[in-house]
Amino acid sequence: MFANLSRRVAGPLLALTLLAVAPQAVRAADELTDAKLQSFATAVLAVNDVVQKWQPQIQQAGDEQQKQAMAVQANGEMQTAVEQTQGITVDEYQNIIQLAQNDQGLRDRIDGLLSKMVQK
């Protein structure tokens, strides 16, 4: 599920500041509580909603300047989506993304949470 969401958010929006800023400190995946990962999964779904809203518009934009302006606006909405999710900060969100890129076990934990949340 996380891998599928990651593929859907791939493209122009992944280069945005929210996901591109290097996290300050990366914690070990085994230090992440179930509650923190639950908050992360909630934030992923909120960010994915923003991506689904903006990605088609950005892809259809007439020129690069218009695409950039839309991407900046989308980035702001993604950051707000994470900030409005209880139990996680933008830095923690970025840290978990970075950890999950190199940790299959963490991706599996996230996938499990996302699957349960999507099925509800």
PDB file of N, CA and C in Angstrom:
ATOM      1  N   MET A   1       0.827  -1.185   0.000  1.00  0.00           N
ATOM      2  CA  MET A   1       0.000   0.000   0.000  1.00  0.00           C
ATOM      3  C   MET A   1       0.872   1.251   0.000  1.00  0.00           C
ATOM      4  N   PHE A   2       1.827   1.347   0.930  1.00  0.00           N
ATOM      5  CA  PHE A   2       2.710   2.512   0.978  1.00  0.00           C
ATOM      6  C   PHE A   2       3.470   2.633  -0.332  1.00  0.00           C
ATOM      7  N   ALA A   3       3.931   1.506  -0.843  1.00  0.00           N
ATOM      8  CA  ALA A   3       4.641   1.531  -2.121  1.00  0.00           C
ATOM      9  C   ALA A   3       3.715   2.032  -3.220  1.00  0.00           C
ATOM     10  N   ASN A   4       2.452   1.591  -3.199  1.00  0.00           N
ATOM     11  CA  ASN A   4       1.500   2.044  -4.204  1.00  0.00           C
ATOM     12  C   ASN A   4       1.235   3.537  -4.065  1.00  0.00           C
ATOM     13  N   LEU A   5       1.070   4.015  -2.831  1.00  0.00           N
ATOM     14  CA  LEU A   5       0.875   5.451  -2.636  1.00  0.00           C
ATOM     15  C   LEU A   5       2.108   6.213  -3.085  1.00  0.00           C
ATOM     16  N   SER A   6       3.279   5.660  -2.782  1.00  0.00           N
ATOM     17  CA  SER A   6       4.516   6.326  -3.177  1.00  0.00           C
ATOM     18  C   SER A   6       4.591   6.463  -4.687  1.00  0.00           C
ATOM     19  N   ARG A   7       4.195   5.416  -5.396  1.00  0.00           N
ATOM     20  CA  ARG A   7       4.223   5.483  -6.857  1.00  0.00           C
ATOM     21  C   ARG A   7       3.234   6.527  -7.366  1.00  0.00           C
ATOM     22  N   ARG A   8       2.076   6.643  -6.715  1.00  0.00           N
ATOM     23  CA  ARG A   8       1.083   7.613  -7.156  1.00  0.00           C
ATOM     24  C   ARG A   8       1.535   9.042  -6.900  1.00  0.00           C
ATOM     25  N   VAL A   9       2.337   9.241  -5.869  1.00  0.00           N
ATOM     26  CA  VAL A   9       2.774  10.605  -5.587  1.00  0.00           C
ATOM     27  C   VAL A   9       4.069  10.932  -6.300  1.00  0.00           C
ATOM     28  N   ALA A  10       4.619   9.981  -7.009  1.00  0.00           N
ATOM     29  CA  ALA A  10       5.851  10.243  -7.754  1.00  0.00           C
ATOM     30  C   ALA A  10       5.572  11.282  -8.837  1.00  0.00           C
ATOM     31  N   GLY A  11       6.585  11.973  -9.214  1.00  0.00           N
ATOM     32  CA  GLY A  11       6.418  12.976 -10.250  1.00  0.00           C
ATOM     33  C   GLY A  11       6.771  14.347  -9.726  1.00  0.00           C
ATOM     34  N   PRO A  12       6.155  15.357 -10.288  1.00  0.00           N
ATOM     35  CA  PRO A  12       6.569  16.721  -9.972  1.00  0.00           C
ATOM     36  C   PRO A  12       6.408  17.082  -8.502  1.00  0.00           C
ATOM     37  N   LEU A  13       5.448  16.486  -7.817  1.00  0.00           N
ATOM     38  CA  LEU A  13       5.213  16.894  -6.440  1.00  0.00           C
ATOM     39  C   LEU A  13       6.266  16.367  -5.483  1.00  0.00           C
ATOM     40  N   LEU A  14       6.911  15.260  -5.810  1.00  0.00           N
ATOM     41  CA  LEU A  14       7.916  14.721  -4.902  1.00  0.00           C
ATOM     42  C   LEU A  14       9.123  15.636  -4.782  1.00  0.00           C
ATOM     43  N   ALA A  15       9.339  16.476  -5.763  1.00  0.00           N
ATOM     44  CA  ALA A  15      10.487  17.379  -5.722  1.00  0.00           C
ATOM     45  C   ALA A  15      10.207  18.600  -4.860  1.00  0.00           C
ATOM     46  N   LEU A  16       9.020  18.684  -4.341  1.00  0.00           N
ATOM     47  CA  LEU A  16       8.647  19.854  -3.567  1.00  0.00           C
ATOM     48  C   LEU A  16       9.405  19.915  -2.250  1.00  0.00           C
ATOM     49  N   THR A  17       9.449  21.068  -1.706  1.00  0.00           N
ATOM     50  CA  THR A  17      10.208  21.327  -0.492  1.00  0.00           C
ATOM     51  C   THR A  17       9.818  20.415   0.649  1.00  0.00           C
ATOM     52  N   LEU A  18       8.550  20.140   0.827  1.00  0.00           N
ATOM     53  CA  LEU A  18       8.105  19.343   1.954  1.00  0.00           C
ATOM     54  C   LEU A  18       8.830  18.007   2.006  1.00  0.00           C
ATOM     55  N   LEU A  19       8.994  17.373   0.880  1.00  0.00           N
ATOM     56  CA  LEU A  19       9.616  16.063   0.852  1.00  0.00           C
ATOM     57  C   LEU A  19      11.106  16.133   0.564  1.00  0.00           C
ATOM     58  N   ALA A  20      11.571  17.268   0.092  1.00  0.00           N
ATOM     59  CA  ALA A  20      12.967  17.371  -0.311  1.00  0.00           C
ATOM     60  C   ALA A  20      13.880  17.896   0.793  1.00  0.00           C
ATOM     61  N   VAL A  21      13.321  18.554   1.793  1.00  0.00           N
ATOM     62  CA  VAL A  21      14.139  19.105   2.869  1.00  0.00           C
ATOM     63  C   VAL A  21      14.751  17.962   3.660  1.00  0.00           C
ATOM     64  N   ALA A  22      16.038  18.033   3.888  1.00  0.00           N
ATOM     65  CA  ALA A  22      16.714  16.986   4.647  1.00  0.00           C
ATOM     66  C   ALA A  22      16.284  17.040   6.102  1.00  0.00           C
ATOM     67  N   PRO A  23      15.867  15.905   6.667  1.00  0.00           N
ATOM     68  CA  PRO A  23      15.464  15.903   8.061  1.00  0.00           C
ATOM     69  C   PRO A  23      16.642  16.198   8.981  1.00  0.00           C
ATOM     70  N   GLN A  24      16.346  16.782  10.136  1.00  0.00           N
ATOM     71  CA  GLN A  24      17.401  17.157  11.065  1.00  0.00           C
ATOM     72  C   GLN A  24      18.011  15.939  11.744  1.00  0.00           C
ATOM     73  N   ALA A  25      17.182  15.003  12.153  1.00  0.00           N
ATOM     74  CA  ALA A  25      17.691  13.828  12.843  1.00  0.00           C
ATOM     75  C   ALA A  25      16.820  12.635  12.477  1.00  0.00           C
ATOM     76  N   VAL A  26      17.438  11.573  12.062  1.00  0.00           N
ATOM     77  CA  VAL A  26      16.701  10.384  11.678  1.00  0.00           C
ATOM     78  C   VAL A  26      16.788   9.377  12.808  1.00  0.00           C
ATOM     79  N   ARG A  27      15.622   8.955  13.286  1.00  0.00           N
ATOM     80  CA  ARG A  27      15.595   7.953  14.345  1.00  0.00           C
ATOM     81  C   ARG A  27      15.612   6.569  13.723  1.00  0.00           C
ATOM     82  N   ALA A  28      16.001   5.599  14.503  1.00  0.00           N
ATOM     83  CA  ALA A  28      15.981   4.221  14.030  1.00  0.00           C
ATOM     84  C   ALA A  28      14.535   3.762  13.913  1.00  0.00           C
ATOM     85  N   ALA A  29      14.253   2.953  12.911  1.00  0.00           N
ATOM     86  CA  ALA A  29      12.895   2.487  12.661  1.00  0.00           C
ATOM     87  C   ALA A  29      12.328   1.742  13.863  1.00  0.00           C
ATOM     88  N   ASP A  30      13.175   1.010  14.585  1.00  0.00           N
ATOM     89  CA  ASP A  30      12.672   0.253  15.728  1.00  0.00           C
ATOM     90  C   ASP A  30      12.302   1.140  16.910  1.00  0.00           C
ATOM     91  N   GLU A  31      12.642   2.433  16.852  1.00  0.00           N
ATOM     92  CA  GLU A  31      12.262   3.383  17.891  1.00  0.00           C
ATOM     93  C   GLU A  31      10.880   3.989  17.628  1.00  0.00           C
ATOM     94  N   LEU A  32      10.329   3.755  16.463  1.00  0.00           N
ATOM     95  CA  LEU A  32       9.049   4.348  16.111  1.00  0.00           C
ATOM     96  C   LEU A  32       7.915   3.553  16.754  1.00  0.00           C
ATOM     97  N   THR A  33       7.096   4.251  17.525  1.00  0.00           N
ATOM     98  CA  THR A  33       5.966   3.602  18.192  1.00  0.00           C
ATOM     99  C   THR A  33       4.830   3.368  17.198  1.00  0.00           C
ATOM    100  N   ASP A  34       3.939   2.484  17.572  1.00  0.00           N
ATOM    101  CA  ASP A  34       2.760   2.251  16.743  1.00  0.00           C
ATOM    102  C   ASP A  34       1.935   3.539  16.622  1.00  0.00           C
ATOM    103  N   ALA A  35       1.863   4.305  17.715  1.00  0.00           N
ATOM    104  CA  ALA A  35       1.107   5.563  17.683  1.00  0.00           C
ATOM    105  C   ALA A  35       1.733   6.551  16.694  1.00  0.00           C
ATOM    106  N   LYS A  36       3.066   6.629  16.674  1.00  0.00           N
ATOM    107  CA  LYS A  36       3.741   7.541  15.747  1.00  0.00           C
ATOM    108  C   LYS A  36       3.491   7.100  14.304  1.00  0.00           C
ATOM    109  N   LEU A  37       3.561   5.792  14.066  1.00  0.00           N
ATOM    110  CA  LEU A  37       3.317   5.304  12.709  1.00  0.00           C
ATOM    111  C   LEU A  37       1.853   5.477  12.310  1.00  0.00           C
ATOM    112  N   GLN A  38       0.948   5.379  13.269  1.00  0.00           N
ATOM    113  CA  GLN A  38      -0.467   5.633  12.980  1.00  0.00           C
ATOM    114  C   GLN A  38      -0.653   7.088  12.546  1.00  0.00           C
ATOM    115  N   SER A  39      -0.001   7.995  13.253  1.00  0.00           N
ATOM    116  CA  SER A  39      -0.059   9.415  12.877  1.00  0.00           C
ATOM    117  C   SER A  39       0.563   9.626  11.499  1.00  0.00           C
ATOM    118  N   PHE A  40       1.688   8.952  11.251  1.00  0.00           N
ATOM    119  CA  PHE A  40       2.336   9.058   9.944  1.00  0.00           C
ATOM    120  C   PHE A  40       1.392   8.579   8.845  1.00  0.00           C
ATOM    121  N   ALA A  41       0.751   7.428   9.055  1.00  0.00           N
ATOM    122  CA  ALA A  41      -0.154   6.886   8.044  1.00  0.00           C
ATOM    123  C   ALA A  41      -1.318   7.845   7.782  1.00  0.00           C
ATOM    124  N   THR A  42      -1.827   8.454   8.832  1.00  0.00           N
ATOM    125  CA  THR A  42      -2.898   9.434   8.672  1.00  0.00           C
ATOM    126  C   THR A  42      -2.406  10.614   7.830  1.00  0.00           C
ATOM    127  N   ALA A  43      -1.180  11.061   8.115  1.00  0.00           N
ATOM    128  CA  ALA A  43      -0.602  12.167   7.348  1.00  0.00           C
ATOM    129  C   ALA A  43      -0.369  11.771   5.893  1.00  0.00           C
ATOM    130  N   VAL A  44       0.090  10.539   5.659  1.00  0.00           N
ATOM    131  CA  VAL A  44       0.308  10.064   4.276  1.00  0.00           C
ATOM    132  C   VAL A  44      -0.989  10.144   3.484  1.00  0.00           C
ATOM    133  N   LEU A  45      -2.082   9.714   4.088  1.00  0.00           N
ATOM    134  CA  LEU A  45      -3.362   9.758   3.384  1.00  0.00           C
ATOM    135  C   LEU A  45      -3.798  11.199   3.109  1.00  0.00           C
ATOM    136  N   ALA A  46      -3.543  12.089   4.064  1.00  0.00           N
ATOM    137  CA  ALA A  46      -3.887  13.502   3.861  1.00  0.00           C
ATOM    138  C   ALA A  46      -3.036  14.123   2.751  1.00  0.00           C
ATOM    139  N   VAL A  47      -1.745  13.813   2.759  1.00  0.00           N
ATOM    140  CA  VAL A  47      -0.843  14.316   1.721  1.00  0.00           C
ATOM    141  C   VAL A  47      -1.241  13.730   0.368  1.00  0.00           C
ATOM    142  N   ASN A  48      -1.592  12.457   0.346  1.00  0.00           N
ATOM    143  CA  ASN A  48      -1.992  11.813  -0.898  1.00  0.00           C
ATOM    144  C   ASN A  48      -3.236  12.490  -1.486  1.00  0.00           C
ATOM    145  N   ASP A  49      -4.163  12.921  -0.628  1.00  0.00           N
ATOM    146  CA  ASP A  49      -5.337  13.644  -1.119  1.00  0.00           C
ATOM    147  C   ASP A  49      -4.928  14.939  -1.818  1.00  0.00           C
ATOM    148  N   VAL A  50      -3.962  15.630  -1.250  1.00  0.00           N
ATOM    149  CA  VAL A  50      -3.468  16.869  -1.864  1.00  0.00           C
ATOM    150  C   VAL A  50      -2.800  16.558  -3.199  1.00  0.00           C
ATOM    151  N   VAL A  51      -1.994  15.507  -3.215  1.00  0.00           N
ATOM    152  CA  VAL A  51      -1.304  15.114  -4.451  1.00  0.00           C
ATOM    153  C   VAL A  51      -2.319  14.777  -5.534  1.00  0.00           C
ATOM    154  N   GLN A  52      -3.329  14.005  -5.184  1.00  0.00           N
ATOM    155  CA  GLN A  52      -4.340  13.630  -6.174  1.00  0.00           C
ATOM    156  C   GLN A  52      -5.088  14.850  -6.699  1.00  0.00           C
ATOM    157  N   LYS A  53      -5.253  15.843  -5.852  1.00  0.00           N
ATOM    158  CA  LYS A  53      -5.917  17.077  -6.279  1.00  0.00           C
ATOM    159  C   LYS A  53      -5.045  17.875  -7.243  1.00  0.00           C
ATOM    160  N   TRP A  54      -3.743  17.991  -6.933  1.00  0.00           N
ATOM    161  CA  TRP A  54      -2.871  18.891  -7.676  1.00  0.00           C
ATOM    162  C   TRP A  54      -2.130  18.255  -8.850  1.00  0.00           C
ATOM    163  N   GLN A  55      -1.796  16.991  -8.770  1.00  0.00           N
ATOM    164  CA  GLN A  55      -0.959  16.394  -9.807  1.00  0.00           C
ATOM    165  C   GLN A  55      -1.540  16.542 -11.209  1.00  0.00           C
ATOM    166  N   PRO A  56      -2.832  16.245 -11.423  1.00  0.00           N
ATOM    167  CA  PRO A  56      -3.361  16.425 -12.781  1.00  0.00           C
ATOM    168  C   PRO A  56      -3.307  17.879 -13.249  1.00  0.00           C
ATOM    169  N   GLN A  57      -3.562  18.806 -12.345  1.00  0.00           N
ATOM    170  CA  GLN A  57      -3.528  20.221 -12.712  1.00  0.00           C
ATOM    171  C   GLN A  57      -2.115  20.659 -13.087  1.00  0.00           C
ATOM    172  N   ILE A  58      -1.127  20.179 -12.321  1.00  0.00           N
ATOM    173  CA  ILE A  58       0.262  20.533 -12.606  1.00  0.00           C
ATOM    174  C   ILE A  58       0.693  19.937 -13.940  1.00  0.00           C
ATOM    175  N   GLN A  59       0.301  18.697 -14.184  1.00  0.00           N
ATOM    176  CA  GLN A  59       0.682  18.042 -15.441  1.00  0.00           C
ATOM    177  C   GLN A  59       0.046  18.723 -16.645  1.00  0.00           C
ATOM    178  N   GLN A  60      -1.112  19.322 -16.468  1.00  0.00           N
ATOM    179  CA  GLN A  60      -1.804  19.972 -17.583  1.00  0.00           C
ATOM    180  C   GLN A  60      -1.477  21.459 -17.700  1.00  0.00           C
ATOM    181  N   ALA A  61      -0.689  21.974 -16.791  1.00  0.00           N
ATOM    182  CA  ALA A  61      -0.347  23.403 -16.824  1.00  0.00           C
ATOM    183  C   ALA A  61       0.371  23.732 -18.125  1.00  0.00           C
ATOM    184  N   GLY A  62       0.157  24.942 -18.585  1.00  0.00           N
ATOM    185  CA  GLY A  62       0.678  25.362 -19.876  1.00  0.00           C
ATOM    186  C   GLY A  62       2.184  25.527 -19.949  1.00  0.00           C
ATOM    187  N   ASP A  63       2.796  26.036 -18.903  1.00  0.00           N
ATOM    188  CA  ASP A  63       4.233  26.286 -18.968  1.00  0.00           C
ATOM    189  C   ASP A  63       4.888  25.992 -17.619  1.00  0.00           C
ATOM    190  N   GLU A  64       6.211  26.021 -17.611  1.00  0.00           N
ATOM    191  CA  GLU A  64       6.960  25.689 -16.399  1.00  0.00           C
ATOM    192  C   GLU A  64       6.686  26.664 -15.263  1.00  0.00           C
ATOM    193  N   GLN A  65       6.537  27.924 -15.572  1.00  0.00           N
ATOM    194  CA  GLN A  65       6.283  28.922 -14.526  1.00  0.00           C
ATOM    195  C   GLN A  65       4.951  28.624 -13.832  1.00  0.00           C
ATOM    196  N   GLN A  66       3.960  28.280 -14.617  1.00  0.00           N
ATOM    197  CA  GLN A  66       2.650  27.943 -14.052  1.00  0.00           C
ATOM    198  C   GLN A  66       2.751  26.652 -13.224  1.00  0.00           C
ATOM    199  N   LYS A  67       3.498  25.673 -13.716  1.00  0.00           N
ATOM    200  CA  LYS A  67       3.692  24.418 -12.979  1.00  0.00           C
ATOM    201  C   LYS A  67       4.370  24.692 -11.643  1.00  0.00           C
ATOM    202  N   GLN A  68       5.384  25.540 -11.664  1.00  0.00           N
ATOM    203  CA  GLN A  68       6.105  25.863 -10.431  1.00  0.00           C
ATOM    204  C   GLN A  68       5.192  26.554  -9.429  1.00  0.00           C
ATOM    205  N   ALA A  69       4.389  27.494  -9.885  1.00  0.00           N
ATOM    206  CA  ALA A  69       3.478  28.212  -8.996  1.00  0.00           C
ATOM    207  C   ALA A  69       2.471  27.251  -8.368  1.00  0.00           C
ATOM    208  N   MET A  70       1.956  26.344  -9.174  1.00  0.00           N
ATOM    209  CA  MET A  70       1.021  25.347  -8.657  1.00  0.00           C
ATOM    210  C   MET A  70       1.712  24.405  -7.670  1.00  0.00           C
ATOM    211  N   ALA A  71       2.932  24.023  -7.981  1.00  0.00           N
ATOM    212  CA  ALA A  71       3.685  23.127  -7.100  1.00  0.00           C
ATOM    213  C   ALA A  71       3.940  23.779  -5.746  1.00  0.00           C
ATOM    214  N   VAL A  72       4.224  25.067  -5.744  1.00  0.00           N
ATOM    215  CA  VAL A  72       4.437  25.789  -4.486  1.00  0.00           C
ATOM    216  C   VAL A  72       3.148  25.787  -3.662  1.00  0.00           C
ATOM    217  N   GLN A  73       2.039  26.025  -4.319  1.00  0.00           N
ATOM    218  CA  GLN A  73       0.756  26.020  -3.621  1.00  0.00           C
ATOM    219  C   GLN A  73       0.438  24.618  -3.094  1.00  0.00           C
ATOM    220  N   ALA A  74       0.680  23.604  -3.908  1.00  0.00           N
ATOM    221  CA  ALA A  74       0.443  22.221  -3.479  1.00  0.00           C
ATOM    222  C   ALA A  74       1.335  21.863  -2.299  1.00  0.00           C
ATOM    223  N   ASN A  75       2.582  22.307  -2.351  1.00  0.00           N
ATOM    224  CA  ASN A  75       3.514  22.041  -1.268  1.00  0.00           C
ATOM    225  C   ASN A  75       3.006  22.634   0.046  1.00  0.00           C
ATOM    226  N   GLY A  76       2.506  23.841  -0.024  1.00  0.00           N
ATOM    227  CA  GLY A  76       1.948  24.473   1.165  1.00  0.00           C
ATOM    228  C   GLY A  76       0.782  23.683   1.731  1.00  0.00           C
ATOM    229  N   GLU A  77      -0.060  23.180   0.850  1.00  0.00           N
ATOM    230  CA  GLU A  77      -1.200  22.381   1.289  1.00  0.00           C
ATOM    231  C   GLU A  77      -0.742  21.051   1.885  1.00  0.00           C
ATOM    232  N   MET A  78       0.304  20.440   1.312  1.00  0.00           N
ATOM    233  CA  MET A  78       0.824  19.185   1.877  1.00  0.00           C
ATOM    234  C   MET A  78       1.409  19.436   3.257  1.00  0.00           C
ATOM    235  N   GLN A  79       2.151  20.515   3.404  1.00  0.00           N
ATOM    236  CA  GLN A  79       2.742  20.827   4.702  1.00  0.00           C
ATOM    237  C   GLN A  79       1.643  21.063   5.731  1.00  0.00           C
ATOM    238  N   THR A  80       0.610  21.794   5.349  1.00  0.00           N
ATOM    239  CA  THR A  80      -0.513  22.040   6.250  1.00  0.00           C
ATOM    240  C   THR A  80      -1.198  20.739   6.630  1.00  0.00           C
ATOM    241  N   ALA A  81      -1.342  19.829   5.663  1.00  0.00           N
ATOM    242  CA  ALA A  81      -1.969  18.541   5.943  1.00  0.00           C
ATOM    243  C   ALA A  81      -1.200  17.774   7.011  1.00  0.00           C
ATOM    244  N   VAL A  82       0.126  17.784   6.922  1.00  0.00           N
ATOM    245  CA  VAL A  82       0.941  17.103   7.928  1.00  0.00           C
ATOM    246  C   VAL A  82       0.839  17.827   9.261  1.00  0.00           C
ATOM    247  N   GLU A  83       0.942  19.144   9.243  1.00  0.00           N
ATOM    248  CA  GLU A  83       0.884  19.937  10.477  1.00  0.00           C
ATOM    249  C   GLU A  83      -0.442  19.751  11.210  1.00  0.00           C
ATOM    250  N   GLN A  84      -1.522  19.506  10.479  1.00  0.00           N
ATOM    251  CA  GLN A  84      -2.835  19.340  11.091  1.00  0.00           C
ATOM    252  C   GLN A  84      -3.085  17.914  11.568  1.00  0.00           C
ATOM    253  N   THR A  85      -2.157  17.023  11.312  1.00  0.00           N
ATOM    254  CA  THR A  85      -2.283  15.644  11.774  1.00  0.00           C
ATOM    255  C   THR A  85      -1.742  15.553  13.192  1.00  0.00           C
ATOM    256  N   GLN A  86      -2.560  15.089  14.099  1.00  0.00           N
ATOM    257  CA  GLN A  86      -2.127  14.975  15.489  1.00  0.00           C
ATOM    258  C   GLN A  86      -1.048  13.916  15.630  1.00  0.00           C
ATOM    259  N   GLY A  87      -0.062  14.205  16.469  1.00  0.00           N
ATOM    260  CA  GLY A  87       0.935  13.214  16.828  1.00  0.00           C
ATOM    261  C   GLY A  87       2.157  13.148  15.941  1.00  0.00           C
ATOM    262  N   ILE A  88       2.291  14.067  14.977  1.00  0.00           N
ATOM    263  CA  ILE A  88       3.451  14.039  14.089  1.00  0.00           C
ATOM    264  C   ILE A  88       3.779  15.455  13.617  1.00  0.00           C
ATOM    265  N   THR A  89       5.061  15.713  13.471  1.00  0.00           N
ATOM    266  CA  THR A  89       5.520  16.990  12.920  1.00  0.00           C
ATOM    267  C   THR A  89       5.989  16.761  11.488  1.00  0.00           C
ATOM    268  N   VAL A  90       6.214  17.846  10.782  1.00  0.00           N
ATOM    269  CA  VAL A  90       6.733  17.737   9.421  1.00  0.00           C
ATOM    270  C   VAL A  90       8.109  17.066   9.442  1.00  0.00           C
ATOM    271  N   ASP A  91       8.957  17.431  10.393  1.00  0.00           N
ATOM    272  CA  ASP A  91      10.283  16.801  10.491  1.00  0.00           C
ATOM    273  C   ASP A  91      10.173  15.302  10.722  1.00  0.00           C
ATOM    274  N   GLU A  92       9.278  14.898  11.612  1.00  0.00           N
ATOM    275  CA  GLU A  92       9.099  13.465  11.875  1.00  0.00           C
ATOM    276  C   GLU A  92       8.572  12.747  10.637  1.00  0.00           C
ATOM    277  N   TYR A  93       7.656  13.386   9.936  1.00  0.00           N
ATOM    278  CA  TYR A  93       7.115  12.831   8.691  1.00  0.00           C
ATOM    279  C   TYR A  93       8.241  12.594   7.692  1.00  0.00           C
ATOM    280  N   GLN A  94       9.087  13.590   7.522  1.00  0.00           N
ATOM    281  CA  GLN A  94      10.213  13.464   6.595  1.00  0.00           C
ATOM    282  C   GLN A  94      11.177  12.373   7.056  1.00  0.00           C
ATOM    283  N   ASN A  95      11.431  12.309   8.349  1.00  0.00           N
ATOM    284  CA  ASN A  95      12.325  11.282   8.885  1.00  0.00           C
ATOM    285  C   ASN A  95      11.814   9.884   8.579  1.00  0.00           C
ATOM    286  N   ILE A  96      10.530   9.672   8.775  1.00  0.00           N
ATOM    287  CA  ILE A  96       9.949   8.353   8.543  1.00  0.00           C
ATOM    288  C   ILE A  96      10.009   7.998   7.067  1.00  0.00           C
ATOM    289  N   ILE A  97       9.756   8.971   6.206  1.00  0.00           N
ATOM    290  CA  ILE A  97       9.886   8.717   4.762  1.00  0.00           C
ATOM    291  C   ILE A  97      11.306   8.256   4.439  1.00  0.00           C
ATOM    292  N   GLN A  98      12.279   8.962   4.987  1.00  0.00           N
ATOM    293  CA  GLN A  98      13.670   8.608   4.713  1.00  0.00           C
ATOM    294  C   GLN A  98      13.997   7.211   5.249  1.00  0.00           C
ATOM    295  N   LEU A  99      13.563   6.910   6.450  1.00  0.00           N
ATOM    296  CA  LEU A  99      13.812   5.589   7.017  1.00  0.00           C
ATOM    297  C   LEU A  99      13.147   4.494   6.186  1.00  0.00           C
ATOM    298  N   ALA A 100      11.912   4.740   5.764  1.00  0.00           N
ATOM    299  CA  ALA A 100      11.148   3.725   5.032  1.00  0.00           C
ATOM    300  C   ALA A 100      11.768   3.413   3.674  1.00  0.00           C
ATOM    301  N   GLN A 101      12.486   4.360   3.102  1.00  0.00           N
ATOM    302  CA  GLN A 101      13.110   4.115   1.802  1.00  0.00           C
ATOM    303  C   GLN A 101      14.127   2.987   1.868  1.00  0.00           C
ATOM    304  N   ASN A 102      14.729   2.788   3.029  1.00  0.00           N
ATOM    305  CA  ASN A 102      15.788   1.789   3.156  1.00  0.00           C
ATOM    306  C   ASN A 102      15.471   0.668   4.127  1.00  0.00           C
ATOM    307  N   ASP A 103      14.216   0.568   4.580  1.00  0.00           N
ATOM    308  CA  ASP A 103      13.858  -0.418   5.595  1.00  0.00           C
ATOM    309  C   ASP A 103      12.560  -1.119   5.196  1.00  0.00           C
ATOM    310  N   GLN A 104      12.689  -2.313   4.644  1.00  0.00           N
ATOM    311  CA  GLN A 104      11.519  -3.065   4.189  1.00  0.00           C
ATOM    312  C   GLN A 104      10.572  -3.372   5.348  1.00  0.00           C
ATOM    313  N   GLY A 105      11.123  -3.681   6.517  1.00  0.00           N
ATOM    314  CA  GLY A 105      10.283  -3.969   7.671  1.00  0.00           C
ATOM    315  C   GLY A 105       9.412  -2.785   8.047  1.00  0.00           C
ATOM    316  N   LEU A 106       9.982  -1.593   7.997  1.00  0.00           N
ATOM    317  CA  LEU A 106       9.220  -0.384   8.287  1.00  0.00           C
ATOM    318  C   LEU A 106       8.159  -0.164   7.222  1.00  0.00           C
ATOM    319  N   ARG A 107       8.527  -0.360   5.966  1.00  0.00           N
ATOM    320  CA  ARG A 107       7.525  -0.219   4.888  1.00  0.00           C
ATOM    321  C   ARG A 107       6.370  -1.187   5.103  1.00  0.00           C
ATOM    322  N   ASP A 108       6.683  -2.404   5.547  1.00  0.00           N
ATOM    323  CA  ASP A 108       5.632  -3.397   5.798  1.00  0.00           C
ATOM    324  C   ASP A 108       4.713  -2.945   6.931  1.00  0.00           C
ATOM    325  N   ARG A 109       5.299  -2.380   7.994  1.00  0.00           N
ATOM    326  CA  ARG A 109       4.484  -1.868   9.102  1.00  0.00           C
ATOM    327  C   ARG A 109       3.562  -0.753   8.617  1.00  0.00           C
ATOM    328  N   ILE A 110       4.111   0.149   7.815  1.00  0.00           N
ATOM    329  CA  ILE A 110       3.320   1.256   7.280  1.00  0.00           C
ATOM    330  C   ILE A 110       2.231   0.733   6.353  1.00  0.00           C
ATOM    331  N   ASP A 111       2.589  -0.211   5.485  1.00  0.00           N
ATOM    332  CA  ASP A 111       1.602  -0.807   4.571  1.00  0.00           C
ATOM    333  C   ASP A 111       0.438  -1.408   5.340  1.00  0.00           C
ATOM    334  N   GLY A 112       0.744  -2.107   6.429  1.00  0.00           N
ATOM    335  CA  GLY A 112      -0.299  -2.722   7.235  1.00  0.00           C
ATOM    336  C   GLY A 112      -1.255  -1.682   7.807  1.00  0.00           C
ATOM    337  N   LEU A 113      -0.689  -0.605   8.325  1.00  0.00           N
ATOM    338  CA  LEU A 113      -1.523   0.463   8.874  1.00  0.00           C
ATOM    339  C   LEU A 113      -2.375   1.117   7.788  1.00  0.00           C
ATOM    340  N   LEU A 114      -1.758   1.405   6.652  1.00  0.00           N
ATOM    341  CA  LEU A 114      -2.497   2.053   5.566  1.00  0.00           C
ATOM    342  C   LEU A 114      -3.611   1.149   5.043  1.00  0.00           C
ATOM    343  N   SER A 115      -3.326  -0.126   4.939  1.00  0.00           N
ATOM    344  CA  SER A 115      -4.351  -1.070   4.466  1.00  0.00           C
ATOM    345  C   SER A 115      -5.556  -1.067   5.389  1.00  0.00           C
ATOM    346  N   LYS A 116      -5.307  -1.095   6.699  1.00  0.00           N
ATOM    347  CA  LYS A 116      -6.408  -1.068   7.662  1.00  0.00           C
ATOM    348  C   LYS A 116      -7.195   0.229   7.569  1.00  0.00           C
ATOM    349  N   MET A 117      -6.483   1.331   7.402  1.00  0.00           N
ATOM    350  CA  MET A 117      -7.152   2.635   7.353  1.00  0.00           C
ATOM    351  C   MET A 117      -7.988   2.800   6.081  1.00  0.00           C
ATOM    352  N   VAL A 118      -7.488   2.310   4.973  1.00  0.00           N
ATOM    353  CA  VAL A 118      -8.192   2.448   3.700  1.00  0.00           C
ATOM    354  C   VAL A 118      -9.434   1.547   3.670  1.00  0.00           C
ATOM    355  N   GLN A 119      -9.348   0.413   4.331  1.00  0.00           N
ATOM    356  CA  GLN A 119     -10.475  -0.531   4.344  1.00  0.00           C
ATOM    357  C   GLN A 119     -11.619  -0.080   5.219  1.00  0.00           C
ATOM    358  N   LYS A 120     -11.377   0.835   6.148  1.00  0.00           N
ATOM    359  CA  LYS A 120     -12.445   1.302   7.056  1.00  0.00           C
ATOM    360  C   LYS A 120     -13.499   2.087   6.339  1.00  0.00           C
TER     361      LYS A 120
END
